[in-house]
Amino acid sequence: MSQLNTKPNIAAPDDFYAALIQAHDGLSDDESAAFNARLILLLANHIGDAGVLGQALQAAAAPRRDS
């Protein structure tokens, strides 16, 4: 089973963040939530490994360390 990579792994994270914010521009809250859901499902399908996806679900559910 593969391990979830939680270390920085995006070559240009600021560019990706800007593109993500731009993708939400003009969307209502409901449209934005639907966009996020579609994006999550597309990325989960791309990952495809049930073990890694389970690790991601656990990591996302865990309380943030900096809160």
Protein backbone atom coordinates (compact mmCIF):
# COMPACT_ATOMS: atom_id res chain seq x y z
CA MET A 1 0.00 0.00 0.00
CA SER A 2 1.24 3.49 -0.84
CA GLN A 3 1.60 6.19 1.76
CA LEU A 4 -0.13 9.56 1.65
CA ASN A 5 2.38 12.28 0.81
CA THR A 6 1.75 15.22 3.13
CA LYS A 7 4.98 17.05 2.35
CA PRO A 8 4.92 20.02 -0.07
CA ASN A 9 4.72 18.51 -3.56
CA ILE A 10 3.39 21.22 -5.89
CA ALA A 11 6.04 22.91 -8.03
CA ALA A 12 4.32 26.32 -7.98
CA PRO A 13 1.89 26.27 -5.04
CA ASP A 14 1.08 29.98 -5.23
CA ASP A 15 0.16 29.64 -8.91
CA PHE A 16 -2.08 26.66 -8.15
CA TYR A 17 -3.74 28.54 -5.29
CA ALA A 18 -4.36 31.54 -7.55
CA ALA A 19 -5.90 29.26 -10.22
CA LEU A 20 -8.09 27.59 -7.58
CA ILE A 21 -9.33 30.93 -6.28
CA GLN A 22 -9.94 32.13 -9.85
CA ALA A 23 -11.95 28.97 -10.58
CA HIS A 24 -14.31 29.96 -7.75
CA ASP A 25 -14.66 33.57 -8.93
CA GLY A 26 -18.29 34.46 -9.50
CA LEU A 27 -19.66 31.22 -8.05
CA SER A 28 -22.33 31.20 -5.37
CA ASP A 29 -21.60 29.34 -2.14
CA ASP A 30 -23.55 26.32 -3.42
CA GLU A 31 -21.79 26.40 -6.80
CA SER A 32 -18.43 26.71 -5.04
CA ALA A 33 -19.20 23.70 -2.82
CA ALA A 34 -20.28 21.69 -5.87
CA PHE A 35 -17.08 22.68 -7.69
CA ASN A 36 -15.01 21.53 -4.70
CA ALA A 37 -16.88 18.23 -4.57
CA ARG A 38 -16.25 17.60 -8.29
CA LEU A 39 -12.58 18.49 -7.91
CA ILE A 40 -12.20 16.15 -4.92
CA LEU A 41 -13.81 13.29 -6.83
CA LEU A 42 -11.64 13.88 -9.89
CA LEU A 43 -8.47 13.92 -7.80
CA ALA A 44 -9.57 10.87 -5.78
CA ASN A 45 -10.18 9.01 -9.04
CA HIS A 46 -6.73 10.04 -10.25
CA ILE A 47 -5.12 8.71 -7.04
CA GLY A 48 -7.17 5.55 -7.24
CA ASP A 49 -5.54 3.85 -4.23
CA ALA A 50 -8.18 3.12 -1.57
CA GLY A 51 -5.53 2.99 1.16
CA VAL A 52 -4.12 6.41 0.28
CA LEU A 53 -7.62 7.85 0.01
CA GLY A 54 -8.45 6.45 3.46
CA GLN A 55 -5.29 8.05 4.86
CA ALA A 56 -6.31 11.36 3.26
CA LEU A 57 -9.77 11.15 4.84
CA GLN A 58 -8.23 10.52 8.25
CA ALA A 59 -5.72 13.35 7.83
CA ALA A 60 -8.44 15.78 6.77
CA ALA A 61 -10.63 14.81 9.75
CA ALA A 62 -7.82 15.23 12.29
CA PRO A 63 -7.73 18.47 14.26
CA ARG A 64 -5.25 20.98 12.91
CA ARG A 65 -2.06 21.20 14.94
CA ASP A 66 -1.88 25.00 14.67
CA SER A 67 -5.42 25.69 15.94
